[in-house]
Amino acid sequence: MTLTRFVTKNAFRNKRRSILTVLSIGGSLVLLTFLMTIWHGFYNSEGSEQSAQRLIVRHKVSLVFNLPSPYREKIRSLPGVTQVVNEQWFGGQYKDDKPANYFAQFGTDPEELLKVYKEYQMPADQLQSWQHDRAGAIVDADLAKKHNWKVGGRLNIKGVIFPVNLELTIRGMFTSPLPTQAIYFNKAYIDEGFPRLKGSDGFFAVLADSPESVPRVAKAIDEEFRNAPRPTKTESEHAFQLGFIQMLGNVKAFILSICMAVVFTILLVSANTMAMGHNTHRSRSSAGSCAGGVLQRFCTVVSCVAGQHCGRLAAHRLGQGTLWQFPSATTCETCGCARASRS
């Protein structure tokens, strides 16, 4: 009997057990692949060619605190800087609070945005229309398709962080090599509705003249405002995006914990299947029966003990809050509301 025939014969001797084993291991591998894909998308993804030349300048303490608008021209005057655009996170609510209706909303300067984000492509007439309408907005083309938005349509967003409700008109749609799920509007709209915000910006997007000069430019910006009342923290665009993810907690540790549990589960399923197969095909001798029974009982005991240990460890870690570290609440200096902060 060949090895292939031996494996095939024993695999289909108990079809129910074989199918359940394949489904268990297959489902675990699918979950493991899904988690590793999320990991890669968050921490190892490569941005566009232009993103390698961009830097984000924010307040050194937290995103909660804004920076003075005059910083923009000071940054523009530094060697290696070609373009600078201001941006302000709005964080409003579209229709309701369902996750399907969530997308990023930024107030910015329509004259400078596409000079910094050069990979954004849109018709010239739509760009001019947006630049001449203070209540206009441009939206991601994929996001517009999702919500069935059309150019010229109305877009109403309820203010949550700021006491301003946006009543925007869609003036254009842009495309990007990577999905953005974002809309941009004129920051002057917020300044007029909430004068307290005027003269400050959430952060600045800086375009360097080359990827090689990015570290030097970042160091020069932070050195420029090191002794200022509001010091800055300059980081790459990718690091800035990860900052938003870190507001959810220690996502990296959480994903790794689930991956370790999945791998351990695959090992237990494999060991249990081998024990059952050995028990089924053991010899009729008493020694063979004893060995098969001992092996099966051993795997069962290991599975129970390991499951209890993992459950207690997970409960202990969750109780101490090491898997998830939620951001602390900080009072926003702009509007006085309590917001989650990140150092």
C-alpha atoms as a PDB file:
ATOM      1  CA  MET A   1       0.000   0.000   0.000  1.00  0.00           C
ATOM      2  CA  THR A   2       1.390   3.361  -1.018  1.00  0.00           C
ATOM      3  CA  LEU A   3       1.568   6.351   1.314  1.00  0.00           C
ATOM      4  CA  THR A   4      -1.006   8.285  -0.744  1.00  0.00           C
ATOM      5  CA  ARG A   5      -3.515   5.443  -0.598  1.00  0.00           C
ATOM      6  CA  PHE A   6      -2.914   4.998   3.126  1.00  0.00           C
ATOM      7  CA  VAL A   7      -3.565   8.688   3.840  1.00  0.00           C
ATOM      8  CA  THR A   8      -6.652   8.789   1.594  1.00  0.00           C
ATOM      9  CA  LYS A   9      -8.138   5.650   3.104  1.00  0.00           C
ATOM     10  CA  ASN A  10      -7.730   6.867   6.674  1.00  0.00           C
ATOM     11  CA  ALA A  11      -8.867  10.429   5.904  1.00  0.00           C
ATOM     12  CA  PHE A  12     -12.224   9.212   4.621  1.00  0.00           C
ATOM     13  CA  ARG A  13     -12.692   6.422   7.152  1.00  0.00           C
ATOM     14  CA  ASN A  14     -14.605   8.846   9.386  1.00  0.00           C
ATOM     15  CA  LYS A  15     -15.942  11.548   7.070  1.00  0.00           C
ATOM     16  CA  ARG A  16     -17.661  13.573   9.789  1.00  0.00           C
ATOM     17  CA  ARG A  17     -14.487  13.897  11.822  1.00  0.00           C
ATOM     18  CA  SER A  18     -12.419  14.767   8.762  1.00  0.00           C
ATOM     19  CA  ILE A  19     -14.863  17.453   7.605  1.00  0.00           C
ATOM     20  CA  LEU A  20     -15.116  19.029  11.071  1.00  0.00           C
ATOM     21  CA  THR A  21     -11.319  19.050  11.397  1.00  0.00           C
ATOM     22  CA  VAL A  22     -10.846  20.700   8.016  1.00  0.00           C
ATOM     23  CA  LEU A  23     -13.525  23.297   8.797  1.00  0.00           C
ATOM     24  CA  SER A  24     -12.033  24.059  12.221  1.00  0.00           C
ATOM     25  CA  ILE A  25      -8.499  24.524  10.936  1.00  0.00           C
ATOM     26  CA  GLY A  26      -9.690  26.335   7.805  1.00  0.00           C
ATOM     27  CA  GLY A  27     -11.805  28.777   9.823  1.00  0.00           C
ATOM     28  CA  SER A  28      -8.900  29.456  12.160  1.00  0.00           C
ATOM     29  CA  LEU A  29      -6.577  30.133   9.243  1.00  0.00           C
ATOM     30  CA  VAL A  30      -9.095  32.504   7.659  1.00  0.00           C
ATOM     31  CA  LEU A  31      -9.374  34.435  10.929  1.00  0.00           C
ATOM     32  CA  LEU A  32      -5.586  34.516  11.276  1.00  0.00           C
ATOM     33  CA  THR A  33      -5.192  35.794   7.706  1.00  0.00           C
ATOM     34  CA  PHE A  34      -7.849  38.459   8.294  1.00  0.00           C
ATOM     35  CA  LEU A  35      -6.129  39.729  11.430  1.00  0.00           C
ATOM     36  CA  MET A  36      -2.701  39.797   9.808  1.00  0.00           C
ATOM     37  CA  THR A  37      -4.185  41.723   6.873  1.00  0.00           C
ATOM     38  CA  ILE A  38      -5.507  44.332   9.309  1.00  0.00           C
ATOM     39  CA  TRP A  39      -2.095  44.419  10.983  1.00  0.00           C
ATOM     40  CA  HIS A  40      -0.365  44.976   7.654  1.00  0.00           C
ATOM     41  CA  GLY A  41      -2.857  47.647   6.613  1.00  0.00           C
ATOM     42  CA  PHE A  42      -2.371  49.587   9.858  1.00  0.00           C
ATOM     43  CA  TYR A  43       1.333  49.293  10.510  1.00  0.00           C
ATOM     44  CA  ASN A  44       3.174  48.115   7.375  1.00  0.00           C
ATOM     45  CA  SER A  45       1.256  49.667   4.500  1.00  0.00           C
ATOM     46  CA  GLU A  46       3.137  51.881   2.085  1.00  0.00           C
ATOM     47  CA  GLY A  47       1.545  55.167   1.114  1.00  0.00           C
ATOM     48  CA  SER A  48       1.676  56.931  -2.204  1.00  0.00           C
ATOM     49  CA  GLU A  49       4.889  58.368  -3.608  1.00  0.00           C
ATOM     50  CA  GLN A  50       3.814  61.875  -2.607  1.00  0.00           C
ATOM     51  CA  SER A  51       3.035  60.864   0.979  1.00  0.00           C
ATOM     52  CA  ALA A  52       6.734  60.109   1.498  1.00  0.00           C
ATOM     53  CA  GLN A  53       7.373  63.840   1.067  1.00  0.00           C
ATOM     54  CA  ARG A  54       4.636  65.011   3.416  1.00  0.00           C
ATOM     55  CA  LEU A  55       4.878  65.862   7.087  1.00  0.00           C
ATOM     56  CA  ILE A  56       2.202  66.658   9.628  1.00  0.00           C
ATOM     57  CA  VAL A  57       2.838  69.412  12.172  1.00  0.00           C
ATOM     58  CA  ARG A  58       0.640  69.308  15.283  1.00  0.00           C
ATOM     59  CA  HIS A  59       0.730  70.454  18.898  1.00  0.00           C
ATOM     60  CA  LYS A  60       3.423  68.651  20.865  1.00  0.00           C
ATOM     61  CA  VAL A  61       1.112  67.749  23.748  1.00  0.00           C
ATOM     62  CA  SER A  62      -1.998  66.493  21.987  1.00  0.00           C
ATOM     63  CA  LEU A  63      -4.214  66.812  18.944  1.00  0.00           C
ATOM     64  CA  VAL A  64      -6.769  68.437  21.218  1.00  0.00           C
ATOM     65  CA  PHE A  65      -4.786  71.690  21.218  1.00  0.00           C
ATOM     66  CA  ASN A  66      -4.632  73.870  18.117  1.00  0.00           C
ATOM     67  CA  LEU A  67      -1.684  75.763  16.698  1.00  0.00           C
ATOM     68  CA  PRO A  68      -1.625  79.491  15.862  1.00  0.00           C
ATOM     69  CA  SER A  69      -2.338  80.203  12.206  1.00  0.00           C
ATOM     70  CA  PRO A  70       0.828  82.388  11.808  1.00  0.00           C
ATOM     71  CA  TYR A  71       2.901  79.201  12.206  1.00  0.00           C
ATOM     72  CA  ARG A  72       1.949  78.436   8.623  1.00  0.00           C
ATOM     73  CA  GLU A  73       4.037  81.177   7.053  1.00  0.00           C
ATOM     74  CA  LYS A  74       6.940  80.550   9.405  1.00  0.00           C
ATOM     75  CA  ILE A  75       7.001  76.918   8.333  1.00  0.00           C
ATOM     76  CA  ARG A  76       6.788  77.918   4.669  1.00  0.00           C
ATOM     77  CA  SER A  77       9.940  80.039   5.033  1.00  0.00           C
ATOM     78  CA  LEU A  78      12.090  77.137   6.272  1.00  0.00           C
ATOM     79  CA  PRO A  79      14.591  75.524   3.850  1.00  0.00           C
ATOM     80  CA  GLY A  80      13.275  72.392   2.144  1.00  0.00           C
ATOM     81  CA  VAL A  81       9.577  73.324   2.480  1.00  0.00           C
ATOM     82  CA  THR A  82       7.687  73.840  -0.772  1.00  0.00           C
ATOM     83  CA  GLN A  83       4.011  74.000   0.281  1.00  0.00           C
ATOM     84  CA  VAL A  84       2.007  74.225   3.506  1.00  0.00           C
ATOM     85  CA  VAL A  85      -1.739  73.889   4.016  1.00  0.00           C
ATOM     86  CA  ASN A  86      -3.780  74.224   7.179  1.00  0.00           C
ATOM     87  CA  GLU A  87      -6.349  71.619   8.204  1.00  0.00           C
ATOM     88  CA  GLN A  88      -8.965  71.402  10.944  1.00  0.00           C
ATOM     89  CA  TRP A  89     -10.728  68.205  11.987  1.00  0.00           C
ATOM     90  CA  PHE A  90     -14.466  68.849  12.252  1.00  0.00           C
ATOM     91  CA  GLY A  91     -15.808  65.509  13.492  1.00  0.00           C
ATOM     92  CA  GLY A  92     -19.456  66.149  12.690  1.00  0.00           C
ATOM     93  CA  GLN A  93     -22.368  63.768  12.285  1.00  0.00           C
ATOM     94  CA  TYR A  94     -23.955  62.910   8.949  1.00  0.00           C
ATOM     95  CA  LYS A  95     -27.592  61.724   9.263  1.00  0.00           C
ATOM     96  CA  ASP A  96     -27.012  59.574  12.387  1.00  0.00           C
ATOM     97  CA  ASP A  97     -24.270  57.960  14.419  1.00  0.00           C
ATOM     98  CA  LYS A  98     -24.222  54.673  12.512  1.00  0.00           C
ATOM     99  CA  PRO A  99     -20.725  53.558  11.432  1.00  0.00           C
ATOM    100  CA  ALA A 100     -21.873  53.420   7.796  1.00  0.00           C
ATOM    101  CA  ASN A 101     -22.390  57.202   7.861  1.00  0.00           C
ATOM    102  CA  TYR A 102     -19.012  58.045   9.355  1.00  0.00           C
ATOM    103  CA  PHE A 103     -16.322  59.747   7.283  1.00  0.00           C
ATOM    104  CA  ALA A 104     -13.542  62.264   7.844  1.00  0.00           C
ATOM    105  CA  GLN A 105     -14.313  65.992   7.517  1.00  0.00           C
ATOM    106  CA  PHE A 106     -11.588  68.618   7.257  1.00  0.00           C
ATOM    107  CA  GLY A 107     -11.710  72.378   7.020  1.00  0.00           C
ATOM    108  CA  THR A 108      -8.834  73.651   4.888  1.00  0.00           C
ATOM    109  CA  ASP A 109      -7.651  76.229   2.365  1.00  0.00           C
ATOM    110  CA  PRO A 110      -9.073  75.445  -1.099  1.00  0.00           C
ATOM    111  CA  GLU A 111      -6.254  77.370  -2.773  1.00  0.00           C
ATOM    112  CA  GLU A 112      -3.485  75.242  -1.249  1.00  0.00           C
ATOM    113  CA  LEU A 113      -4.903  71.762  -0.626  1.00  0.00           C
ATOM    114  CA  LEU A 114      -4.172  70.192  -4.005  1.00  0.00           C
ATOM    115  CA  LYS A 115      -0.704  71.757  -4.061  1.00  0.00           C
ATOM    116  CA  VAL A 116       0.212  69.612  -1.061  1.00  0.00           C
ATOM    117  CA  TYR A 117      -1.889  66.536  -1.926  1.00  0.00           C
ATOM    118  CA  LYS A 118      -0.806  66.299  -5.540  1.00  0.00           C
ATOM    119  CA  GLU A 119      -2.146  62.776  -5.984  1.00  0.00           C
ATOM    120  CA  TYR A 120      -5.721  64.073  -5.631  1.00  0.00           C
ATOM    121  CA  GLN A 121      -7.169  64.406  -9.125  1.00  0.00           C
ATOM    122  CA  MET A 122     -10.310  66.325 -10.069  1.00  0.00           C
ATOM    123  CA  PRO A 123     -11.580  68.388 -13.039  1.00  0.00           C
ATOM    124  CA  ALA A 124     -10.258  71.946 -13.167  1.00  0.00           C
ATOM    125  CA  ASP A 125     -13.740  73.475 -13.458  1.00  0.00           C
ATOM    126  CA  GLN A 126     -14.867  71.687 -10.282  1.00  0.00           C
ATOM    127  CA  LEU A 127     -11.780  72.904  -8.424  1.00  0.00           C
ATOM    128  CA  GLN A 128     -12.448  76.499  -9.465  1.00  0.00           C
ATOM    129  CA  SER A 129     -16.086  76.188  -8.488  1.00  0.00           C
ATOM    130  CA  TRP A 130     -15.058  75.011  -5.022  1.00  0.00           C
ATOM    131  CA  GLN A 131     -12.494  77.780  -4.605  1.00  0.00           C
ATOM    132  CA  HIS A 132     -15.135  80.441  -5.343  1.00  0.00           C
ATOM    133  CA  ASP A 133     -17.797  79.023  -2.986  1.00  0.00           C
ATOM    134  CA  ARG A 134     -17.138  79.497   0.745  1.00  0.00           C
ATOM    135  CA  ALA A 135     -19.908  76.994   1.503  1.00  0.00           C
ATOM    136  CA  GLY A 136     -18.660  74.475  -1.056  1.00  0.00           C
ATOM    137  CA  ALA A 137     -17.048  71.097  -0.496  1.00  0.00           C
ATOM    138  CA  ILE A 138     -15.217  68.408  -2.418  1.00  0.00           C
ATOM    139  CA  VAL A 139     -15.732  64.735  -1.631  1.00  0.00           C
ATOM    140  CA  ASP A 140     -13.953  61.477  -2.309  1.00  0.00           C
ATOM    141  CA  ALA A 141     -15.414  59.898  -5.454  1.00  0.00           C
ATOM    142  CA  ASP A 142     -15.766  56.473  -3.792  1.00  0.00           C
ATOM    143  CA  LEU A 143     -17.483  58.056  -0.789  1.00  0.00           C
ATOM    144  CA  ALA A 144     -19.852  59.921  -3.105  1.00  0.00           C
ATOM    145  CA  LYS A 145     -20.716  56.694  -4.867  1.00  0.00           C
ATOM    146  CA  LYS A 146     -21.417  55.010  -1.536  1.00  0.00           C
ATOM    147  CA  HIS A 147     -23.864  57.728  -0.432  1.00  0.00           C
ATOM    148  CA  ASN A 148     -25.178  58.484  -3.946  1.00  0.00           C
ATOM    149  CA  TRP A 149     -23.972  62.095  -3.840  1.00  0.00           C
ATOM    150  CA  LYS A 150     -23.975  64.246  -6.941  1.00  0.00           C
ATOM    151  CA  VAL A 151     -22.131  67.444  -7.870  1.00  0.00           C
ATOM    152  CA  GLY A 152     -24.380  70.343  -6.917  1.00  0.00           C
ATOM    153  CA  GLY A 153     -26.131  68.357  -4.198  1.00  0.00           C
ATOM    154  CA  ARG A 154     -26.552  69.476  -0.610  1.00  0.00           C
ATOM    155  CA  LEU A 155     -24.550  68.017   2.269  1.00  0.00           C
ATOM    156  CA  ASN A 156     -25.697  68.740   5.825  1.00  0.00           C
ATOM    157  CA  ILE A 157     -23.434  67.808   8.740  1.00  0.00           C
ATOM    158  CA  LYS A 158     -24.329  68.339  12.373  1.00  0.00           C
ATOM    159  CA  GLY A 159     -21.584  69.801  14.554  1.00  0.00           C
ATOM    160  CA  VAL A 160     -20.536  67.616  17.486  1.00  0.00           C
ATOM    161  CA  ILE A 161     -17.190  69.070  18.578  1.00  0.00           C
ATOM    162  CA  PHE A 162     -17.958  72.601  17.417  1.00  0.00           C
ATOM    163  CA  PRO A 163     -21.367  74.312  17.803  1.00  0.00           C
ATOM    164  CA  VAL A 164     -21.670  74.782  14.048  1.00  0.00           C
ATOM    165  CA  ASN A 165     -23.870  72.891  11.591  1.00  0.00           C
ATOM    166  CA  LEU A 166     -22.430  72.668   8.091  1.00  0.00           C
ATOM    167  CA  GLU A 167     -24.773  73.257   5.156  1.00  0.00           C
ATOM    168  CA  LEU A 168     -22.453  72.517   2.253  1.00  0.00           C
ATOM    169  CA  THR A 169     -22.841  72.250  -1.496  1.00  0.00           C
ATOM    170  CA  ILE A 170     -20.848  69.541  -3.275  1.00  0.00           C
ATOM    171  CA  ARG A 171     -18.755  71.354  -5.892  1.00  0.00           C
ATOM    172  CA  GLY A 172     -16.470  68.544  -6.967  1.00  0.00           C
ATOM    173  CA  MET A 173     -15.286  64.969  -6.550  1.00  0.00           C
ATOM    174  CA  PHE A 174     -11.659  63.916  -6.355  1.00  0.00           C
ATOM    175  CA  THR A 175      -9.964  60.561  -6.874  1.00  0.00           C
ATOM    176  CA  SER A 176      -6.933  59.236  -5.040  1.00  0.00           C
ATOM    177  CA  PRO A 177      -4.644  56.198  -5.456  1.00  0.00           C
ATOM    178  CA  LEU A 178      -5.581  55.192  -1.900  1.00  0.00           C
ATOM    179  CA  PRO A 179      -9.083  55.474  -0.378  1.00  0.00           C
ATOM    180  CA  THR A 180      -9.522  58.546   1.816  1.00  0.00           C
ATOM    181  CA  GLN A 181     -13.217  58.445   2.818  1.00  0.00           C
ATOM    182  CA  ALA A 182     -13.005  62.194   3.413  1.00  0.00           C
ATOM    183  CA  ILE A 183     -14.529  65.510   2.451  1.00  0.00           C
ATOM    184  CA  TYR A 184     -12.868  68.936   2.441  1.00  0.00           C
ATOM    185  CA  PHE A 185     -14.492  72.330   2.861  1.00  0.00           C
ATOM    186  CA  ASN A 186     -13.382  75.914   3.402  1.00  0.00           C
ATOM    187  CA  LYS A 187     -12.217  76.423   6.996  1.00  0.00           C
ATOM    188  CA  ALA A 188     -13.550  79.995   6.820  1.00  0.00           C
ATOM    189  CA  TYR A 189     -16.996  78.422   7.208  1.00  0.00           C
ATOM    190  CA  ILE A 190     -16.130  77.285  10.750  1.00  0.00           C
ATOM    191  CA  ASP A 191     -14.358  80.566  11.570  1.00  0.00           C
ATOM    192  CA  GLU A 192     -17.489  82.541  10.719  1.00  0.00           C
ATOM    193  CA  GLY A 193     -19.806  80.264  12.678  1.00  0.00           C
ATOM    194  CA  PHE A 194     -17.464  79.861  15.644  1.00  0.00           C
ATOM    195  CA  PRO A 195     -15.216  82.969  15.902  1.00  0.00           C
ATOM    196  CA  ARG A 196     -13.372  81.512  18.876  1.00  0.00           C
ATOM    197  CA  LEU A 197     -11.588  79.168  16.479  1.00  0.00           C
ATOM    198  CA  LYS A 198     -10.418  81.933  14.185  1.00  0.00           C
ATOM    199  CA  GLY A 199      -6.644  82.413  14.165  1.00  0.00           C
ATOM    200  CA  SER A 200      -5.827  78.783  14.973  1.00  0.00           C
ATOM    201  CA  ASP A 201      -5.636  75.491  13.100  1.00  0.00           C
ATOM    202  CA  GLY A 202      -5.681  71.853  14.085  1.00  0.00           C
ATOM    203  CA  PHE A 203      -2.526  70.915  12.198  1.00  0.00           C
ATOM    204  CA  PHE A 204      -0.491  71.719   9.104  1.00  0.00           C
ATOM    205  CA  ALA A 205       0.365  69.439   6.189  1.00  0.00           C
ATOM    206  CA  VAL A 206       3.846  70.219   4.845  1.00  0.00           C
ATOM    207  CA  LEU A 207       5.264  69.152   1.488  1.00  0.00           C
ATOM    208  CA  ALA A 208       9.064  68.803   1.412  1.00  0.00           C
ATOM    209  CA  ASP A 209      11.114  69.192  -1.735  1.00  0.00           C
ATOM    210  CA  SER A 210      12.307  65.566  -1.624  1.00  0.00           C
ATOM    211  CA  PRO A 211      11.935  62.417   0.522  1.00  0.00           C
ATOM    212  CA  GLU A 212      15.587  62.727   1.573  1.00  0.00           C
ATOM    213  CA  SER A 213      15.009  66.144   3.147  1.00  0.00           C
ATOM    214  CA  VAL A 214      12.004  65.031   5.226  1.00  0.00           C
ATOM    215  CA  PRO A 215      13.977  64.237   8.442  1.00  0.00           C
ATOM    216  CA  ARG A 216      15.892  67.506   8.199  1.00  0.00           C
ATOM    217  CA  VAL A 217      12.713  69.534   7.623  1.00  0.00           C
ATOM    218  CA  ALA A 218      10.932  67.837  10.538  1.00  0.00           C
ATOM    219  CA  LYS A 219      13.812  68.632  12.874  1.00  0.00           C
ATOM    220  CA  ALA A 220      13.977  72.244  11.665  1.00  0.00           C
ATOM    221  CA  ILE A 221      10.250  72.820  12.253  1.00  0.00           C
ATOM    222  CA  ASP A 222      10.301  71.494  15.807  1.00  0.00           C
ATOM    223  CA  GLU A 223      13.473  73.457  16.557  1.00  0.00           C
ATOM    224  CA  GLU A 224      11.824  76.629  15.247  1.00  0.00           C
ATOM    225  CA  PHE A 225       8.976  76.382  17.785  1.00  0.00           C
ATOM    226  CA  ARG A 226      10.832  74.612  20.610  1.00  0.00           C
ATOM    227  CA  ASN A 227      10.620  77.603  22.963  1.00  0.00           C
ATOM    228  CA  ALA A 228       7.261  78.877  21.692  1.00  0.00           C
ATOM    229  CA  PRO A 229       4.176  78.912  23.941  1.00  0.00           C
ATOM    230  CA  ARG A 230       2.767  76.147  21.757  1.00  0.00           C
ATOM    231  CA  PRO A 231       5.584  73.803  20.712  1.00  0.00           C
ATOM    232  CA  THR A 232       5.110  71.453  17.783  1.00  0.00           C
ATOM    233  CA  LYS A 233       5.558  67.781  17.010  1.00  0.00           C
ATOM    234  CA  THR A 234       6.363  67.014  13.378  1.00  0.00           C
ATOM    235  CA  GLU A 235       5.867  63.452  12.170  1.00  0.00           C
ATOM    236  CA  SER A 236       5.356  61.546   8.957  1.00  0.00           C
ATOM    237  CA  GLU A 237       1.901  61.234   7.488  1.00  0.00           C
ATOM    238  CA  HIS A 238       1.820  57.509   8.276  1.00  0.00           C
ATOM    239  CA  ALA A 239       2.767  58.083  11.925  1.00  0.00           C
ATOM    240  CA  PHE A 240       0.079  60.750  12.193  1.00  0.00           C
ATOM    241  CA  GLN A 241      -2.559  58.335  10.884  1.00  0.00           C
ATOM    242  CA  LEU A 242      -1.452  55.700  13.382  1.00  0.00           C
ATOM    243  CA  GLY A 243      -2.025  58.305  16.102  1.00  0.00           C
ATOM    244  CA  PHE A 244      -5.754  58.158  15.439  1.00  0.00           C
ATOM    245  CA  ILE A 245      -5.678  54.356  15.707  1.00  0.00           C
ATOM    246  CA  GLN A 246      -3.831  54.542  19.027  1.00  0.00           C
ATOM    247  CA  MET A 247      -6.726  56.563  20.415  1.00  0.00           C
ATOM    248  CA  LEU A 248      -8.705  53.293  20.371  1.00  0.00           C
ATOM    249  CA  GLY A 249      -6.159  51.658  22.673  1.00  0.00           C
ATOM    250  CA  ASN A 250      -3.306  49.199  22.302  1.00  0.00           C
ATOM    251  CA  VAL A 251      -4.608  47.740  19.023  1.00  0.00           C
ATOM    252  CA  LYS A 252      -1.271  46.084  18.233  1.00  0.00           C
ATOM    253  CA  ALA A 253      -1.276  44.004  21.448  1.00  0.00           C
ATOM    254  CA  PHE A 254      -4.928  43.143  20.999  1.00  0.00           C
ATOM    255  CA  ILE A 255      -4.433  41.781  17.471  1.00  0.00           C
ATOM    256  CA  LEU A 256      -1.321  39.835  18.482  1.00  0.00           C
ATOM    257  CA  SER A 257      -3.177  38.282  21.432  1.00  0.00           C
ATOM    258  CA  ILE A 258      -5.949  37.023  19.165  1.00  0.00           C
ATOM    259  CA  CYS A 259      -3.410  35.661  16.661  1.00  0.00           C
ATOM    260  CA  MET A 260      -1.623  33.727  19.415  1.00  0.00           C
ATOM    261  CA  ALA A 261      -4.940  32.292  20.601  1.00  0.00           C
ATOM    262  CA  VAL A 262      -5.825  31.215  17.048  1.00  0.00           C
ATOM    263  CA  VAL A 263      -2.467  29.480  16.537  1.00  0.00           C
ATOM    264  CA  PHE A 264      -2.831  27.692  19.874  1.00  0.00           C
ATOM    265  CA  THR A 265      -6.344  26.589  18.891  1.00  0.00           C
ATOM    266  CA  ILE A 266      -5.034  25.125  15.626  1.00  0.00           C
ATOM    267  CA  LEU A 267      -2.465  23.114  17.593  1.00  0.00           C
ATOM    268  CA  LEU A 268      -5.118  21.797  19.970  1.00  0.00           C
ATOM    269  CA  VAL A 269      -7.438  20.777  17.124  1.00  0.00           C
ATOM    270  CA  SER A 270      -4.593  18.991  15.368  1.00  0.00           C
ATOM    271  CA  ALA A 271      -3.504  17.192  18.526  1.00  0.00           C
ATOM    272  CA  ASN A 272      -7.065  16.144  19.342  1.00  0.00           C
ATOM    273  CA  THR A 273      -7.614  14.809  15.815  1.00  0.00           C
ATOM    274  CA  MET A 274      -4.394  12.788  15.983  1.00  0.00           C
ATOM    275  CA  ALA A 275      -5.416  11.344  19.364  1.00  0.00           C
ATOM    276  CA  MET A 276      -8.855  10.342  18.121  1.00  0.00           C
ATOM    277  CA  GLY A 277      -7.376   8.791  15.004  1.00  0.00           C
ATOM    278  CA  HIS A 278      -4.896   6.827  17.066  1.00  0.00           C
ATOM    279  CA  ASN A 279      -7.695   5.673  19.389  1.00  0.00           C
ATOM    280  CA  THR A 280      -9.794   4.513  16.429  1.00  0.00           C
ATOM    281  CA  HIS A 281      -7.032   2.605  14.683  1.00  0.00           C
ATOM    282  CA  ARG A 282      -5.191   1.267  17.715  1.00  0.00           C
ATOM    283  CA  SER A 283      -4.341  -2.373  17.850  1.00  0.00           C
ATOM    284  CA  ARG A 284      -6.455  -4.884  19.722  1.00  0.00           C
ATOM    285  CA  SER A 285      -3.675  -5.611  22.147  1.00  0.00           C
ATOM    286  CA  SER A 286      -4.051  -4.335  25.672  1.00  0.00           C
ATOM    287  CA  ALA A 287      -0.821  -2.391  25.380  1.00  0.00           C
ATOM    288  CA  GLY A 288      -2.082  -0.600  22.280  1.00  0.00           C
ATOM    289  CA  SER A 289      -5.413   0.149  23.955  1.00  0.00           C
ATOM    290  CA  CYS A 290      -3.683   1.493  27.007  1.00  0.00           C
ATOM    291  CA  ALA A 291      -1.372   3.701  24.941  1.00  0.00           C
ATOM    292  CA  GLY A 292      -4.220   5.076  22.841  1.00  0.00           C
ATOM    293  CA  GLY A 293      -6.362   5.804  25.883  1.00  0.00           C
ATOM    294  CA  VAL A 294      -3.528   7.500  27.715  1.00  0.00           C
ATOM    295  CA  LEU A 295      -2.723   9.685  24.701  1.00  0.00           C
ATOM    296  CA  GLN A 296      -6.352  10.717  24.255  1.00  0.00           C
ATOM    297  CA  ARG A 297      -6.802  11.495  27.944  1.00  0.00           C
ATOM    298  CA  PHE A 298      -3.530  13.414  27.985  1.00  0.00           C
ATOM    299  CA  CYS A 299      -4.611  15.632  25.068  1.00  0.00           C
ATOM    300  CA  THR A 300      -7.994  16.201  26.718  1.00  0.00           C
ATOM    301  CA  VAL A 301      -6.408  17.232  30.020  1.00  0.00           C
ATOM    302  CA  VAL A 302      -3.936  19.544  28.202  1.00  0.00           C
ATOM    303  CA  SER A 303      -6.790  21.160  26.290  1.00  0.00           C
ATOM    304  CA  CYS A 304      -8.840  21.797  29.455  1.00  0.00           C
ATOM    305  CA  VAL A 305      -5.916  23.125  31.480  1.00  0.00           C
ATOM    306  CA  ALA A 306      -4.684  25.337  28.648  1.00  0.00           C
ATOM    307  CA  GLY A 307      -8.175  26.711  28.036  1.00  0.00           C
ATOM    308  CA  GLN A 308      -8.648  27.584  31.722  1.00  0.00           C
ATOM    309  CA  HIS A 309      -5.198  29.198  31.900  1.00  0.00           C
ATOM    310  CA  CYS A 310      -5.793  31.304  28.777  1.00  0.00           C
ATOM    311  CA  GLY A 311      -9.213  32.378  30.057  1.00  0.00           C
ATOM    312  CA  ARG A 312      -7.840  33.460  33.440  1.00  0.00           C
ATOM    313  CA  LEU A 313      -4.909  35.258  31.818  1.00  0.00           C
ATOM    314  CA  ALA A 314      -7.204  37.145  29.419  1.00  0.00           C
ATOM    315  CA  ALA A 315      -9.553  38.120  32.264  1.00  0.00           C
ATOM    316  CA  HIS A 316      -6.617  39.316  34.369  1.00  0.00           C
ATOM    317  CA  ARG A 317      -5.157  41.361  31.497  1.00  0.00           C
ATOM    318  CA  LEU A 318      -8.525  42.890  30.684  1.00  0.00           C
ATOM    319  CA  GLY A 319      -9.073  43.719  34.326  1.00  0.00           C
ATOM    320  CA  GLN A 320      -5.798  45.608  34.453  1.00  0.00           C
ATOM    321  CA  GLY A 321      -6.515  47.336  31.166  1.00  0.00           C
ATOM    322  CA  THR A 322      -3.264  46.258  29.502  1.00  0.00           C
ATOM    323  CA  LEU A 323      -4.898  45.045  26.305  1.00  0.00           C
ATOM    324  CA  TRP A 324      -6.886  48.229  25.833  1.00  0.00           C
ATOM    325  CA  GLN A 325      -5.688  51.549  27.117  1.00  0.00           C
ATOM    326  CA  PHE A 326      -8.423  54.057  26.508  1.00  0.00           C
ATOM    327  CA  PRO A 327      -7.423  57.697  26.082  1.00  0.00           C
ATOM    328  CA  SER A 328      -8.045  59.990  28.956  1.00  0.00           C
ATOM    329  CA  ALA A 329     -10.626  62.722  28.742  1.00  0.00           C
ATOM    330  CA  THR A 330      -9.205  66.185  28.259  1.00  0.00           C
ATOM    331  CA  THR A 331     -11.021  69.465  28.175  1.00  0.00           C
ATOM    332  CA  CYS A 332     -10.756  71.053  24.726  1.00  0.00           C
ATOM    333  CA  GLU A 333      -9.410  74.565  24.944  1.00  0.00           C
ATOM    334  CA  THR A 334     -11.246  75.522  21.762  1.00  0.00           C
ATOM    335  CA  CYS A 335     -14.849  74.744  22.624  1.00  0.00           C
ATOM    336  CA  GLY A 336     -14.678  73.638  26.262  1.00  0.00           C
ATOM    337  CA  CYS A 337     -15.951  70.100  25.655  1.00  0.00           C
ATOM    338  CA  ALA A 338     -14.440  66.891  26.971  1.00  0.00           C
ATOM    339  CA  ARG A 339     -12.426  65.097  24.320  1.00  0.00           C
ATOM    340  CA  ALA A 340     -10.141  62.078  24.182  1.00  0.00           C
ATOM    341  CA  SER A 341      -6.508  63.085  24.100  1.00  0.00           C
ATOM    342  CA  ARG A 342      -3.321  61.445  22.891  1.00  0.00           C
ATOM    343  CA  SER A 343       0.158  62.487  23.883  1.00  0.00           C
END
